[in-house]
Amino acid sequence: MLPRRSLLLRPAAALALPSLLGELVPGPRGAAAQPAAPAGFPDRPLRLIIPFPPGGTNDIVGRLLSEGMAARLGQPIVIENRGGAGGALGAEAAAKSAPDGYTLLLGGSGSLTINQLVRPNLPYDPATAFAPIGLIGLGPNVIVVHPSLPVHDLRELQAFARRARPPLAYASPGVGSTGHAAGALVAQVLGVEMEHVPYRGTGPALNDVIAGRVPVFTNALAPLAPHIRAGALRALAVAGEHRSAAMPDLPTTAEQGFPEIRAATWFGLFATGGTPPDRVEKLHAALNAVLAEAEVRRRLLEGGVEVEASASPAEFARYVAEDAARWAPVVRRAGLRVE
C-alpha cells in the first residue's frame, strides 16, 4: 500500500509519466553492462551524497539513516555534502557515478521533483539517472502568515487576497523551490493573485516573514514550529489531508475546503540509474529496518519528518513519478522556470 499521507494522484495520473520521468522502476538497463551483485555486497564503504550544505533537515535525515544502515550493511557510509543549484549539483554527482550501488543520494521533492520541472537544462537525464530505493518520510508543509495580517484560516486569506491592492506577497526559499511551487499552488487553488518574493534559502525568507516584510509563507513545519508556538507567525493550515503529529491542533487544507492544496517535502533514498535490482533490494531492506526503529522514528519526528516507509523500490518509484505528475501543471501554469 502507498503511504497514507501520500501526495499522489490516482493511478490514472501515471499515464502521463513517461514524458516526465521515464521508467523509474529499477530494472534492466543495458543488463550486459551491469556489474553482477556478489553475495558479499557491499564489501567496501559506501557514500551518501546529500545535495545540500550541512546543518539542514536533509543533512539531519541523511546522517541519522546512514548510521543505522551502515550497521546493517556491515560497511561504513561516508557522507558527502554537495550543495548548489537547488540540489542539482549533488544529484548530478550521483547520476554520473558507477551504477554499482556504492553511491547513494538523499533525494527529495525539491532536489528531484521540482528541480527537473523548472530546470530544462539539467546535466543528467531524469528518465534514467536514478534507481529509487525507498521513501523515508514526509515533512508536512504549513501555510503561515505574519500576525499583523487579519486572517485566521484559508477562507479569510482568500477573501483578503481578493481585495488586496497591490497583490498580497508570498515568500519562498528561491525561484523554482518547493516553497515557490507550493505558494503558486495556494494562489491557484484560492483563485487569487499573489506576488512571489524569492530569497536565497529558507532562513532569509523566514526572517523577513517574521519581520512582517512579506506576509505569507508556505514551508516545511520544522523551521516554522518554534515561531508559531512563540506567536511570531500565525499558522493557517497544514497543506494536506492529515493533521501533523507534531502540531495536531492545526487543521488541514482539506478540512477547510481546499483538498487540492497538498504540499509536503518528501525524503527518499536513491542509487545511480542502472544499479542491479538485487543490490537495490538489499539497500531497501536495510533502509526499512532502520525506519522501523522507534528511536529513529522519534528523532525524525523531532526534526519535522513523519516516517512513511515504502513497501518496495517499485512502489517508491511510482510515488516519485506520480508526485511529479501532480506538480507539473502547477509549475506550468505558474510559469516557474530556472535557466
C-alpha atoms as a PDB file:
ATOM      1  CA  MET A   1       0.000   0.000   0.000  1.00  0.00           C
ATOM      2  CA  LEU A   2       1.104   3.550  -0.645  1.00  0.00           C
ATOM      3  CA  PRO A   3       1.776   5.843   2.349  1.00  0.00           C
ATOM      4  CA  ARG A   4      -1.419   7.183   3.890  1.00  0.00           C
ATOM      5  CA  ARG A   5      -0.079  10.734   3.750  1.00  0.00           C
ATOM      6  CA  SER A   6       0.869  10.270   0.125  1.00  0.00           C
ATOM      7  CA  LEU A   7       0.840  13.258  -2.207  1.00  0.00           C
ATOM      8  CA  LEU A   8      -0.206  11.078  -5.100  1.00  0.00           C
ATOM      9  CA  LEU A   9      -2.772  11.347  -7.804  1.00  0.00           C
ATOM     10  CA  ARG A  10      -4.853   8.328  -8.516  1.00  0.00           C
ATOM     11  CA  PRO A  11      -3.213   5.670 -10.723  1.00  0.00           C
ATOM     12  CA  ALA A  12      -4.676   7.154 -13.918  1.00  0.00           C
ATOM     13  CA  ALA A  13      -2.363  10.121 -13.494  1.00  0.00           C
ATOM     14  CA  ALA A  14       0.591   7.870 -14.145  1.00  0.00           C
ATOM     15  CA  LEU A  15      -0.381   7.597 -17.810  1.00  0.00           C
ATOM     16  CA  ALA A  16       1.387  10.874 -18.487  1.00  0.00           C
ATOM     17  CA  LEU A  17       4.553   9.985 -16.632  1.00  0.00           C
ATOM     18  CA  PRO A  18       6.948   8.713 -19.309  1.00  0.00           C
ATOM     19  CA  SER A  19       7.474  12.193 -20.710  1.00  0.00           C
ATOM     20  CA  LEU A  20       8.318  13.483 -17.226  1.00  0.00           C
ATOM     21  CA  LEU A  21      10.489  10.860 -15.610  1.00  0.00           C
ATOM     22  CA  GLY A  22      10.621   7.909 -17.921  1.00  0.00           C
ATOM     23  CA  GLU A  23      10.674   4.461 -16.377  1.00  0.00           C
ATOM     24  CA  LEU A  24      11.906   4.872 -12.813  1.00  0.00           C
ATOM     25  CA  VAL A  25      11.322   1.335 -11.625  1.00  0.00           C
ATOM     26  CA  PRO A  26      14.715  -0.342 -11.230  1.00  0.00           C
ATOM     27  CA  GLY A  27      15.152  -2.931 -13.920  1.00  0.00           C
ATOM     28  CA  PRO A  28      17.260  -3.952 -16.912  1.00  0.00           C
ATOM     29  CA  ARG A  29      19.098  -1.037 -18.415  1.00  0.00           C
ATOM     30  CA  GLY A  30      21.809  -2.407 -20.623  1.00  0.00           C
ATOM     31  CA  ALA A  31      21.910  -5.532 -18.490  1.00  0.00           C
ATOM     32  CA  ALA A  32      25.123  -6.733 -20.109  1.00  0.00           C
ATOM     33  CA  ALA A  33      26.929  -3.669 -18.758  1.00  0.00           C
ATOM     34  CA  GLN A  34      25.661  -4.053 -15.202  1.00  0.00           C
ATOM     35  CA  PRO A  35      28.091  -5.469 -12.661  1.00  0.00           C
ATOM     36  CA  ALA A  36      26.951  -8.717 -11.124  1.00  0.00           C
ATOM     37  CA  ALA A  37      25.973  -8.422  -7.472  1.00  0.00           C
ATOM     38  CA  PRO A  38      28.326 -10.557  -5.374  1.00  0.00           C
ATOM     39  CA  ALA A  39      26.936 -12.343  -2.358  1.00  0.00           C
ATOM     40  CA  GLY A  40      29.082 -10.106  -0.174  1.00  0.00           C
ATOM     41  CA  PHE A  41      27.652  -6.772  -1.374  1.00  0.00           C
ATOM     42  CA  PRO A  42      28.621  -4.376  -0.008  1.00  0.00           C
ATOM     43  CA  ASP A  43      32.250  -5.345   0.528  1.00  0.00           C
ATOM     44  CA  ARG A  44      33.662  -1.816   0.813  1.00  0.00           C
ATOM     45  CA  PRO A  45      32.497   1.584   2.122  1.00  0.00           C
ATOM     46  CA  LEU A  46      29.555   3.373   0.502  1.00  0.00           C
ATOM     47  CA  ARG A  47      28.991   7.104   0.133  1.00  0.00           C
ATOM     48  CA  LEU A  48      25.795   9.080   0.630  1.00  0.00           C
ATOM     49  CA  ILE A  49      25.508  12.344  -1.287  1.00  0.00           C
ATOM     50  CA  ILE A  50      23.378  14.941   0.484  1.00  0.00           C
ATOM     51  CA  PRO A  51      22.705  17.649  -2.118  1.00  0.00           C
ATOM     52  CA  PHE A  52      22.554  20.470   0.440  1.00  0.00           C
ATOM     53  CA  PRO A  53      25.003  22.044   2.913  1.00  0.00           C
ATOM     54  CA  PRO A  54      25.425  20.635   6.438  1.00  0.00           C
ATOM     55  CA  GLY A  55      23.003  21.572   9.170  1.00  0.00           C
ATOM     56  CA  GLY A  56      19.630  21.499   7.435  1.00  0.00           C
ATOM     57  CA  THR A  57      16.845  18.924   7.574  1.00  0.00           C
ATOM     58  CA  ASN A  58      18.309  16.942   4.652  1.00  0.00           C
ATOM     59  CA  ASP A  59      21.633  16.673   6.465  1.00  0.00           C
ATOM     60  CA  ILE A  60      19.987  15.573   9.722  1.00  0.00           C
ATOM     61  CA  VAL A  61      17.920  12.898   7.960  1.00  0.00           C
ATOM     62  CA  GLY A  62      20.848  11.606   5.908  1.00  0.00           C
ATOM     63  CA  ARG A  63      23.265  11.307   8.819  1.00  0.00           C
ATOM     64  CA  LEU A  64      20.718   9.611  11.068  1.00  0.00           C
ATOM     65  CA  LEU A  65      19.839   6.974   8.488  1.00  0.00           C
ATOM     66  CA  SER A  66      23.405   6.376   7.355  1.00  0.00           C
ATOM     67  CA  GLU A  67      24.389   5.336  10.886  1.00  0.00           C
ATOM     68  CA  GLY A  68      21.737   2.651  11.078  1.00  0.00           C
ATOM     69  CA  MET A  69      22.183   1.426   7.518  1.00  0.00           C
ATOM     70  CA  ALA A  70      25.949   1.135   7.937  1.00  0.00           C
ATOM     71  CA  ALA A  71      25.450  -1.120  10.946  1.00  0.00           C
ATOM     72  CA  ARG A  72      23.123  -3.390   8.979  1.00  0.00           C
ATOM     73  CA  LEU A  73      25.194  -3.466   5.803  1.00  0.00           C
ATOM     74  CA  GLY A  74      28.457  -4.079   7.637  1.00  0.00           C
ATOM     75  CA  GLN A  75      30.227  -1.195   5.903  1.00  0.00           C
ATOM     76  CA  PRO A  76      30.652   2.488   6.746  1.00  0.00           C
ATOM     77  CA  ILE A  77      28.705   5.095   4.786  1.00  0.00           C
ATOM     78  CA  VAL A  78      30.683   8.253   4.097  1.00  0.00           C
ATOM     79  CA  ILE A  79      28.621  11.461   3.967  1.00  0.00           C
ATOM     80  CA  GLU A  80      29.331  13.908   1.158  1.00  0.00           C
ATOM     81  CA  ASN A  81      27.513  17.261   1.320  1.00  0.00           C
ATOM     82  CA  ARG A  82      27.391  18.727  -2.161  1.00  0.00           C
ATOM     83  CA  GLY A  83      25.040  21.708  -2.265  1.00  0.00           C
ATOM     84  CA  GLY A  84      24.155  24.054  -5.097  1.00  0.00           C
ATOM     85  CA  ALA A  85      21.549  24.667  -7.815  1.00  0.00           C
ATOM     86  CA  GLY A  86      18.692  23.568  -5.580  1.00  0.00           C
ATOM     87  CA  GLY A  87      20.168  20.097  -5.193  1.00  0.00           C
ATOM     88  CA  ALA A  88      21.035  19.598  -8.870  1.00  0.00           C
ATOM     89  CA  LEU A  89      24.817  19.537  -8.310  1.00  0.00           C
ATOM     90  CA  GLY A  90      24.610  16.694  -5.824  1.00  0.00           C
ATOM     91  CA  ALA A  91      22.104  14.852  -7.982  1.00  0.00           C
ATOM     92  CA  GLU A  92      24.437  15.176 -10.967  1.00  0.00           C
ATOM     93  CA  ALA A  93      27.294  13.615  -8.986  1.00  0.00           C
ATOM     94  CA  ALA A  94      25.092  10.654  -8.072  1.00  0.00           C
ATOM     95  CA  ALA A  95      23.721  10.301 -11.607  1.00  0.00           C
ATOM     96  CA  LYS A  96      27.220  10.132 -13.110  1.00  0.00           C
ATOM     97  CA  SER A  97      28.617   7.617 -10.604  1.00  0.00           C
ATOM     98  CA  ALA A  98      29.141   3.938 -11.348  1.00  0.00           C
ATOM     99  CA  PRO A  99      25.832   2.014 -11.224  1.00  0.00           C
ATOM    100  CA  ASP A 100      27.104  -0.420  -8.604  1.00  0.00           C
ATOM    101  CA  GLY A 101      25.107   0.525  -5.504  1.00  0.00           C
ATOM    102  CA  TYR A 102      28.027   2.135  -3.699  1.00  0.00           C
ATOM    103  CA  THR A 103      26.854   5.711  -4.333  1.00  0.00           C
ATOM    104  CA  LEU A 104      23.567   6.765  -2.725  1.00  0.00           C
ATOM    105  CA  LEU A 105      21.634  10.022  -2.987  1.00  0.00           C
ATOM    106  CA  LEU A 106      19.317  11.564  -0.417  1.00  0.00           C
ATOM    107  CA  GLY A 107      16.698  12.942  -2.784  1.00  0.00           C
ATOM    108  CA  GLY A 108      13.520  14.862  -2.205  1.00  0.00           C
ATOM    109  CA  SER A 109      10.627  16.775  -3.648  1.00  0.00           C
ATOM    110  CA  GLY A 110      12.706  19.912  -4.124  1.00  0.00           C
ATOM    111  CA  SER A 111      16.007  18.493  -5.305  1.00  0.00           C
ATOM    112  CA  LEU A 112      14.445  15.995  -7.721  1.00  0.00           C
ATOM    113  CA  THR A 113      10.742  16.600  -8.477  1.00  0.00           C
ATOM    114  CA  ILE A 114      10.573  20.390  -8.659  1.00  0.00           C
ATOM    115  CA  ASN A 115      14.127  20.798  -9.929  1.00  0.00           C
ATOM    116  CA  GLN A 116      13.559  18.710 -13.037  1.00  0.00           C
ATOM    117  CA  LEU A 117      10.305  20.508 -13.798  1.00  0.00           C
ATOM    118  CA  VAL A 118      11.758  24.018 -13.603  1.00  0.00           C
ATOM    119  CA  ARG A 119      15.283  23.440 -14.959  1.00  0.00           C
ATOM    120  CA  PRO A 120      15.181  22.497 -18.671  1.00  0.00           C
ATOM    121  CA  ASN A 121      18.949  22.007 -18.994  1.00  0.00           C
ATOM    122  CA  LEU A 122      19.861  19.580 -16.240  1.00  0.00           C
ATOM    123  CA  PRO A 123      23.246  17.878 -16.821  1.00  0.00           C
ATOM    124  CA  TYR A 124      21.670  14.429 -16.475  1.00  0.00           C
ATOM    125  CA  ASP A 125      18.644  12.617 -17.869  1.00  0.00           C
ATOM    126  CA  PRO A 126      15.942  12.425 -15.175  1.00  0.00           C
ATOM    127  CA  ALA A 127      14.351   9.486 -17.018  1.00  0.00           C
ATOM    128  CA  THR A 128      17.308   7.190 -16.399  1.00  0.00           C
ATOM    129  CA  ALA A 129      19.577   8.896 -13.882  1.00  0.00           C
ATOM    130  CA  PHE A 130      18.348   7.315 -10.639  1.00  0.00           C
ATOM    131  CA  ALA A 131      17.207   3.986  -9.225  1.00  0.00           C
ATOM    132  CA  PRO A 132      14.676   4.615  -6.427  1.00  0.00           C
ATOM    133  CA  ILE A 133      15.413   2.623  -3.261  1.00  0.00           C
ATOM    134  CA  GLY A 134      12.791   3.714  -0.761  1.00  0.00           C
ATOM    135  CA  LEU A 135      10.746   6.510   0.748  1.00  0.00           C
ATOM    136  CA  ILE A 136      11.903   7.799   4.126  1.00  0.00           C
ATOM    137  CA  GLY A 137       9.161  10.184   5.168  1.00  0.00           C
ATOM    138  CA  LEU A 138       7.307  13.436   4.710  1.00  0.00           C
ATOM    139  CA  GLY A 139       7.806  16.856   6.222  1.00  0.00           C
ATOM    140  CA  PRO A 140       4.353  18.428   6.100  1.00  0.00           C
ATOM    141  CA  ASN A 141       4.225  21.958   4.716  1.00  0.00           C
ATOM    142  CA  VAL A 142       2.360  24.633   6.638  1.00  0.00           C
ATOM    143  CA  ILE A 143       0.803  27.863   5.381  1.00  0.00           C
ATOM    144  CA  VAL A 144       1.667  30.724   7.737  1.00  0.00           C
ATOM    145  CA  VAL A 145       1.126  34.467   7.796  1.00  0.00           C
ATOM    146  CA  HIS A 146       2.517  37.358   9.803  1.00  0.00           C
ATOM    147  CA  PRO A 147       0.233  38.022  12.801  1.00  0.00           C
ATOM    148  CA  SER A 148      -0.490  41.534  11.539  1.00  0.00           C
ATOM    149  CA  LEU A 149      -2.444  40.054   8.626  1.00  0.00           C
ATOM    150  CA  PRO A 150      -6.123  39.925   9.721  1.00  0.00           C
ATOM    151  CA  VAL A 151      -6.734  36.327   8.609  1.00  0.00           C
ATOM    152  CA  HIS A 152      -7.057  33.130  10.640  1.00  0.00           C
ATOM    153  CA  ASP A 153      -7.948  30.485   8.059  1.00  0.00           C
ATOM    154  CA  LEU A 154      -7.833  29.900   4.303  1.00  0.00           C
ATOM    155  CA  ARG A 155     -11.272  31.365   3.603  1.00  0.00           C
ATOM    156  CA  GLU A 156     -10.236  34.601   5.261  1.00  0.00           C
ATOM    157  CA  LEU A 157      -6.933  34.563   3.371  1.00  0.00           C
ATOM    158  CA  GLN A 158      -8.831  34.074   0.109  1.00  0.00           C
ATOM    159  CA  ALA A 159     -11.157  36.997   0.825  1.00  0.00           C
ATOM    160  CA  PHE A 160      -8.330  39.288   1.932  1.00  0.00           C
ATOM    161  CA  ALA A 161      -6.162  38.425  -1.102  1.00  0.00           C
ATOM    162  CA  ARG A 162      -9.040  39.168  -3.485  1.00  0.00           C
ATOM    163  CA  ARG A 163      -9.293  42.699  -2.079  1.00  0.00           C
ATOM    164  CA  ALA A 164      -5.576  43.364  -1.718  1.00  0.00           C
ATOM    165  CA  ARG A 165      -4.068  46.120  -3.869  1.00  0.00           C
ATOM    166  CA  PRO A 166      -1.231  45.695  -4.675  1.00  0.00           C
ATOM    167  CA  PRO A 167      -1.438  41.894  -4.655  1.00  0.00           C
ATOM    168  CA  LEU A 168      -0.558  40.064  -1.463  1.00  0.00           C
ATOM    169  CA  ALA A 169       3.039  38.801  -1.493  1.00  0.00           C
ATOM    170  CA  TYR A 170       4.360  35.378  -0.523  1.00  0.00           C
ATOM    171  CA  ALA A 171       7.958  34.420   0.254  1.00  0.00           C
ATOM    172  CA  SER A 172       9.878  31.355  -0.908  1.00  0.00           C
ATOM    173  CA  PRO A 173      13.397  29.931  -0.393  1.00  0.00           C
ATOM    174  CA  GLY A 174      14.146  30.654  -4.062  1.00  0.00           C
ATOM    175  CA  VAL A 175      12.926  30.558  -7.643  1.00  0.00           C
ATOM    176  CA  GLY A 176      11.975  27.019  -8.571  1.00  0.00           C
ATOM    177  CA  SER A 177      12.000  25.770  -4.974  1.00  0.00           C
ATOM    178  CA  THR A 178       9.326  23.613  -3.380  1.00  0.00           C
ATOM    179  CA  GLY A 179       8.186  26.705  -1.486  1.00  0.00           C
ATOM    180  CA  HIS A 180       7.822  28.616  -4.747  1.00  0.00           C
ATOM    181  CA  ALA A 181       5.690  25.848  -6.232  1.00  0.00           C
ATOM    182  CA  ALA A 182       3.644  25.475  -3.025  1.00  0.00           C
ATOM    183  CA  GLY A 183       2.925  29.210  -2.891  1.00  0.00           C
ATOM    184  CA  ALA A 184       1.874  29.169  -6.529  1.00  0.00           C
ATOM    185  CA  LEU A 185      -0.433  26.236  -5.796  1.00  0.00           C
ATOM    186  CA  VAL A 186      -2.081  28.128  -2.919  1.00  0.00           C
ATOM    187  CA  ALA A 187      -2.735  31.136  -5.174  1.00  0.00           C
ATOM    188  CA  GLN A 188      -4.087  28.942  -7.983  1.00  0.00           C
ATOM    189  CA  VAL A 189      -6.483  26.978  -5.780  1.00  0.00           C
ATOM    190  CA  LEU A 190      -7.721  30.055  -3.923  1.00  0.00           C
ATOM    191  CA  GLY A 191      -8.185  31.817  -7.255  1.00  0.00           C
ATOM    192  CA  VAL A 192      -6.237  34.906  -6.218  1.00  0.00           C
ATOM    193  CA  GLU A 193      -3.293  36.891  -7.482  1.00  0.00           C
ATOM    194  CA  MET A 194      -0.205  36.773  -5.266  1.00  0.00           C
ATOM    195  CA  GLU A 195       3.251  38.208  -5.859  1.00  0.00           C
ATOM    196  CA  HIS A 196       6.226  35.882  -5.450  1.00  0.00           C
ATOM    197  CA  VAL A 197       9.211  37.197  -3.446  1.00  0.00           C
ATOM    198  CA  PRO A 198      12.166  34.780  -3.696  1.00  0.00           C
ATOM    199  CA  TYR A 199      15.034  34.543  -1.199  1.00  0.00           C
ATOM    200  CA  ARG A 200      18.322  32.669  -1.022  1.00  0.00           C
ATOM    201  CA  GLY A 201      17.153  29.917   1.280  1.00  0.00           C
ATOM    202  CA  THR A 202      14.584  29.257   3.992  1.00  0.00           C
ATOM    203  CA  GLY A 203      16.419  31.254   6.667  1.00  0.00           C
ATOM    204  CA  PRO A 204      16.385  34.639   4.911  1.00  0.00           C
ATOM    205  CA  ALA A 205      12.779  34.137   3.782  1.00  0.00           C
ATOM    206  CA  LEU A 206      11.669  33.218   7.299  1.00  0.00           C
ATOM    207  CA  ASN A 207      13.438  36.240   8.767  1.00  0.00           C
ATOM    208  CA  ASP A 208      11.555  38.638   6.506  1.00  0.00           C
ATOM    209  CA  VAL A 209       8.202  36.963   7.114  1.00  0.00           C
ATOM    210  CA  ILE A 210       8.718  37.209  10.895  1.00  0.00           C
ATOM    211  CA  ALA A 211       9.716  40.858  10.433  1.00  0.00           C
ATOM    212  CA  GLY A 212       6.471  41.490   8.538  1.00  0.00           C
ATOM    213  CA  ARG A 213       8.137  42.467   5.259  1.00  0.00           C
ATOM    214  CA  VAL A 214       6.369  39.642   3.393  1.00  0.00           C
ATOM    215  CA  PRO A 215       3.075  38.413   4.879  1.00  0.00           C
ATOM    216  CA  VAL A 216       2.639  34.840   3.575  1.00  0.00           C
ATOM    217  CA  PHE A 217       4.926  31.788   3.558  1.00  0.00           C
ATOM    218  CA  THR A 218       4.454  28.073   2.845  1.00  0.00           C
ATOM    219  CA  ASN A 219       7.247  25.819   4.056  1.00  0.00           C
ATOM    220  CA  ALA A 220       8.100  22.632   5.930  1.00  0.00           C
ATOM    221  CA  LEU A 221       6.871  22.672   9.512  1.00  0.00           C
ATOM    222  CA  ALA A 222      10.195  22.032  11.267  1.00  0.00           C
ATOM    223  CA  PRO A 223      11.760  25.510  10.908  1.00  0.00           C
ATOM    224  CA  LEU A 224       8.394  27.236  11.407  1.00  0.00           C
ATOM    225  CA  ALA A 225       7.189  25.430  14.531  1.00  0.00           C
ATOM    226  CA  PRO A 226       9.163  27.388  17.177  1.00  0.00           C
ATOM    227  CA  HIS A 227       7.990  30.699  15.710  1.00  0.00           C
ATOM    228  CA  ILE A 228       4.376  29.511  15.517  1.00  0.00           C
ATOM    229  CA  ARG A 229       4.463  28.485  19.175  1.00  0.00           C
ATOM    230  CA  ALA A 230       6.080  31.804  20.115  1.00  0.00           C
ATOM    231  CA  GLY A 231       3.378  33.772  18.298  1.00  0.00           C
ATOM    232  CA  ALA A 232       5.769  35.305  15.747  1.00  0.00           C
ATOM    233  CA  LEU A 233       3.857  33.506  12.975  1.00  0.00           C
ATOM    234  CA  ARG A 234       0.208  32.505  12.661  1.00  0.00           C
ATOM    235  CA  ALA A 235      -0.371  29.060  11.164  1.00  0.00           C
ATOM    236  CA  LEU A 236      -3.440  28.760   8.941  1.00  0.00           C
ATOM    237  CA  ALA A 237      -3.317  25.145   7.772  1.00  0.00           C
ATOM    238  CA  VAL A 238      -1.301  22.006   7.185  1.00  0.00           C
ATOM    239  CA  ALA A 239      -1.132  21.614   3.417  1.00  0.00           C
ATOM    240  CA  GLY A 240      -2.550  18.109   3.148  1.00  0.00           C
ATOM    241  CA  GLU A 241      -5.233  15.599   4.063  1.00  0.00           C
ATOM    242  CA  HIS A 242      -3.927  14.635   7.509  1.00  0.00           C
ATOM    243  CA  ARG A 243      -3.005  16.675  10.529  1.00  0.00           C
ATOM    244  CA  SER A 244       0.609  16.723  11.633  1.00  0.00           C
ATOM    245  CA  ALA A 245       1.537  14.682  14.694  1.00  0.00           C
ATOM    246  CA  ALA A 246       3.919  17.496  15.607  1.00  0.00           C
ATOM    247  CA  MET A 247       1.078  20.078  15.632  1.00  0.00           C
ATOM    248  CA  PRO A 248      -2.168  18.108  15.969  1.00  0.00           C
ATOM    249  CA  ASP A 249      -4.433  21.107  16.687  1.00  0.00           C
ATOM    250  CA  LEU A 250      -3.710  22.748  13.340  1.00  0.00           C
ATOM    251  CA  PRO A 251      -6.465  21.999  10.748  1.00  0.00           C
ATOM    252  CA  THR A 252      -5.605  20.793   7.267  1.00  0.00           C
ATOM    253  CA  THR A 253      -6.328  22.440   3.938  1.00  0.00           C
ATOM    254  CA  ALA A 254      -8.731  19.585   3.206  1.00  0.00           C
ATOM    255  CA  GLU A 255     -10.688  20.267   6.406  1.00  0.00           C
ATOM    256  CA  GLN A 256     -11.025  23.898   5.344  1.00  0.00           C
ATOM    257  CA  GLY A 257     -12.476  23.016   1.949  1.00  0.00           C
ATOM    258  CA  PHE A 258      -9.335  23.127  -0.199  1.00  0.00           C
ATOM    259  CA  PRO A 259      -8.237  19.491  -0.652  1.00  0.00           C
ATOM    260  CA  GLU A 260      -6.323  20.380  -3.818  1.00  0.00           C
ATOM    261  CA  ILE A 261      -3.731  22.197  -1.719  1.00  0.00           C
ATOM    262  CA  ARG A 262      -1.378  19.361  -0.836  1.00  0.00           C
ATOM    263  CA  ALA A 263       2.307  20.016  -0.357  1.00  0.00           C
ATOM    264  CA  ALA A 264       4.907  18.209   1.687  1.00  0.00           C
ATOM    265  CA  THR A 265       8.639  17.849   1.483  1.00  0.00           C
ATOM    266  CA  TRP A 266       9.373  14.172   0.997  1.00  0.00           C
ATOM    267  CA  PHE A 267      12.714  12.486   1.534  1.00  0.00           C
ATOM    268  CA  GLY A 268      13.879   9.304  -0.150  1.00  0.00           C
ATOM    269  CA  LEU A 269      16.950   7.238  -0.947  1.00  0.00           C
ATOM    270  CA  PHE A 270      18.241   6.621  -4.488  1.00  0.00           C
ATOM    271  CA  ALA A 271      21.071   4.808  -6.206  1.00  0.00           C
ATOM    272  CA  THR A 272      22.557   5.567  -9.602  1.00  0.00           C
ATOM    273  CA  GLY A 273      20.342   4.537 -12.509  1.00  0.00           C
ATOM    274  CA  GLY A 274      21.179   1.055 -13.732  1.00  0.00           C
ATOM    275  CA  THR A 275      22.180  -0.315 -10.327  1.00  0.00           C
ATOM    276  CA  PRO A 276      21.373  -4.054 -10.274  1.00  0.00           C
ATOM    277  CA  PRO A 277      17.931  -4.754  -8.760  1.00  0.00           C
ATOM    278  CA  ASP A 278      19.265  -7.197  -6.152  1.00  0.00           C
ATOM    279  CA  ARG A 279      21.554  -4.503  -4.762  1.00  0.00           C
ATOM    280  CA  VAL A 280      18.671  -2.033  -4.722  1.00  0.00           C
ATOM    281  CA  GLU A 281      16.563  -4.566  -2.827  1.00  0.00           C
ATOM    282  CA  LYS A 282      19.300  -5.109  -0.244  1.00  0.00           C
ATOM    283  CA  LEU A 283      19.619  -1.362   0.299  1.00  0.00           C
ATOM    284  CA  HIS A 284      15.834  -1.067   0.577  1.00  0.00           C
ATOM    285  CA  ALA A 285      15.711  -3.776   3.245  1.00  0.00           C
ATOM    286  CA  ALA A 286      18.434  -2.029   5.273  1.00  0.00           C
ATOM    287  CA  LEU A 287      16.659   1.324   4.980  1.00  0.00           C
ATOM    288  CA  ASN A 288      13.304  -0.049   6.122  1.00  0.00           C
ATOM    289  CA  ALA A 289      14.896  -1.880   9.033  1.00  0.00           C
ATOM    290  CA  VAL A 290      16.306   1.432  10.267  1.00  0.00           C
ATOM    291  CA  LEU A 291      12.975   3.220   9.767  1.00  0.00           C
ATOM    292  CA  ALA A 292      11.231   0.568  11.879  1.00  0.00           C
ATOM    293  CA  GLU A 293      13.245   1.539  14.959  1.00  0.00           C
ATOM    294  CA  ALA A 294      11.227   3.526  17.486  1.00  0.00           C
ATOM    295  CA  GLU A 295      14.164   5.780  18.395  1.00  0.00           C
ATOM    296  CA  VAL A 296      14.833   6.647  14.748  1.00  0.00           C
ATOM    297  CA  ARG A 297      11.176   7.458  14.175  1.00  0.00           C
ATOM    298  CA  ARG A 298      11.171   9.647  17.280  1.00  0.00           C
ATOM    299  CA  ARG A 299      14.262  11.556  16.207  1.00  0.00           C
ATOM    300  CA  LEU A 300      12.936  12.078  12.700  1.00  0.00           C
ATOM    301  CA  LEU A 301       9.624  13.361  14.048  1.00  0.00           C
ATOM    302  CA  GLU A 302      11.511  15.809  16.263  1.00  0.00           C
ATOM    303  CA  GLY A 303      13.125  17.091  13.064  1.00  0.00           C
ATOM    304  CA  GLY A 304       9.727  17.534  11.420  1.00  0.00           C
ATOM    305  CA  VAL A 305       9.763  14.348   9.321  1.00  0.00           C
ATOM    306  CA  GLU A 306       6.993  11.761   9.693  1.00  0.00           C
ATOM    307  CA  VAL A 307       8.209   8.297   8.675  1.00  0.00           C
ATOM    308  CA  GLU A 308       6.444   6.734   5.679  1.00  0.00           C
ATOM    309  CA  ALA A 309       8.421   3.715   4.506  1.00  0.00           C
ATOM    310  CA  SER A 310       7.614   2.219   1.096  1.00  0.00           C
ATOM    311  CA  ALA A 311       6.891  -1.477   0.707  1.00  0.00           C
ATOM    312  CA  SER A 312       9.263  -1.874  -2.249  1.00  0.00           C
ATOM    313  CA  PRO A 313      11.551   0.103  -4.580  1.00  0.00           C
ATOM    314  CA  ALA A 314       8.902  -0.201  -7.309  1.00  0.00           C
ATOM    315  CA  GLU A 315       6.252   1.359  -5.076  1.00  0.00           C
ATOM    316  CA  PHE A 316       8.589   4.234  -4.248  1.00  0.00           C
ATOM    317  CA  ALA A 317       9.274   4.711  -7.968  1.00  0.00           C
ATOM    318  CA  ARG A 318       5.555   5.114  -8.601  1.00  0.00           C
ATOM    319  CA  TYR A 319       5.327   7.574  -5.716  1.00  0.00           C
ATOM    320  CA  VAL A 320       8.076   9.770  -7.209  1.00  0.00           C
ATOM    321  CA  ALA A 321       6.569   9.651 -10.695  1.00  0.00           C
ATOM    322  CA  GLU A 322       3.036  10.491  -9.605  1.00  0.00           C
ATOM    323  CA  ASP A 323       4.306  13.322  -7.416  1.00  0.00           C
ATOM    324  CA  ALA A 324       5.981  14.834 -10.472  1.00  0.00           C
ATOM    325  CA  ALA A 325       2.783  14.413 -12.487  1.00  0.00           C
ATOM    326  CA  ARG A 326       0.839  16.302  -9.828  1.00  0.00           C
ATOM    327  CA  TRP A 327       3.271  19.221  -9.714  1.00  0.00           C
ATOM    328  CA  ALA A 328       3.802  19.533 -13.486  1.00  0.00           C
ATOM    329  CA  PRO A 329       0.588  21.503 -14.246  1.00  0.00           C
ATOM    330  CA  VAL A 330       1.161  23.740 -11.201  1.00  0.00           C
ATOM    331  CA  VAL A 331       4.653  24.598 -12.431  1.00  0.00           C
ATOM    332  CA  ARG A 332       3.408  25.136 -15.991  1.00  0.00           C
ATOM    333  CA  ARG A 333       0.516  27.440 -15.015  1.00  0.00           C
ATOM    334  CA  ALA A 334       2.745  29.480 -12.700  1.00  0.00           C
ATOM    335  CA  GLY A 335       5.478  29.777 -15.316  1.00  0.00           C
ATOM    336  CA  LEU A 336       8.175  28.536 -12.929  1.00  0.00           C
ATOM    337  CA  ARG A 337      11.445  28.231 -14.807  1.00  0.00           C
ATOM    338  CA  VAL A 338      15.138  28.425 -13.934  1.00  0.00           C
ATOM    339  CA  GLU A 339      17.637  28.862 -16.770  1.00  0.00           C
END
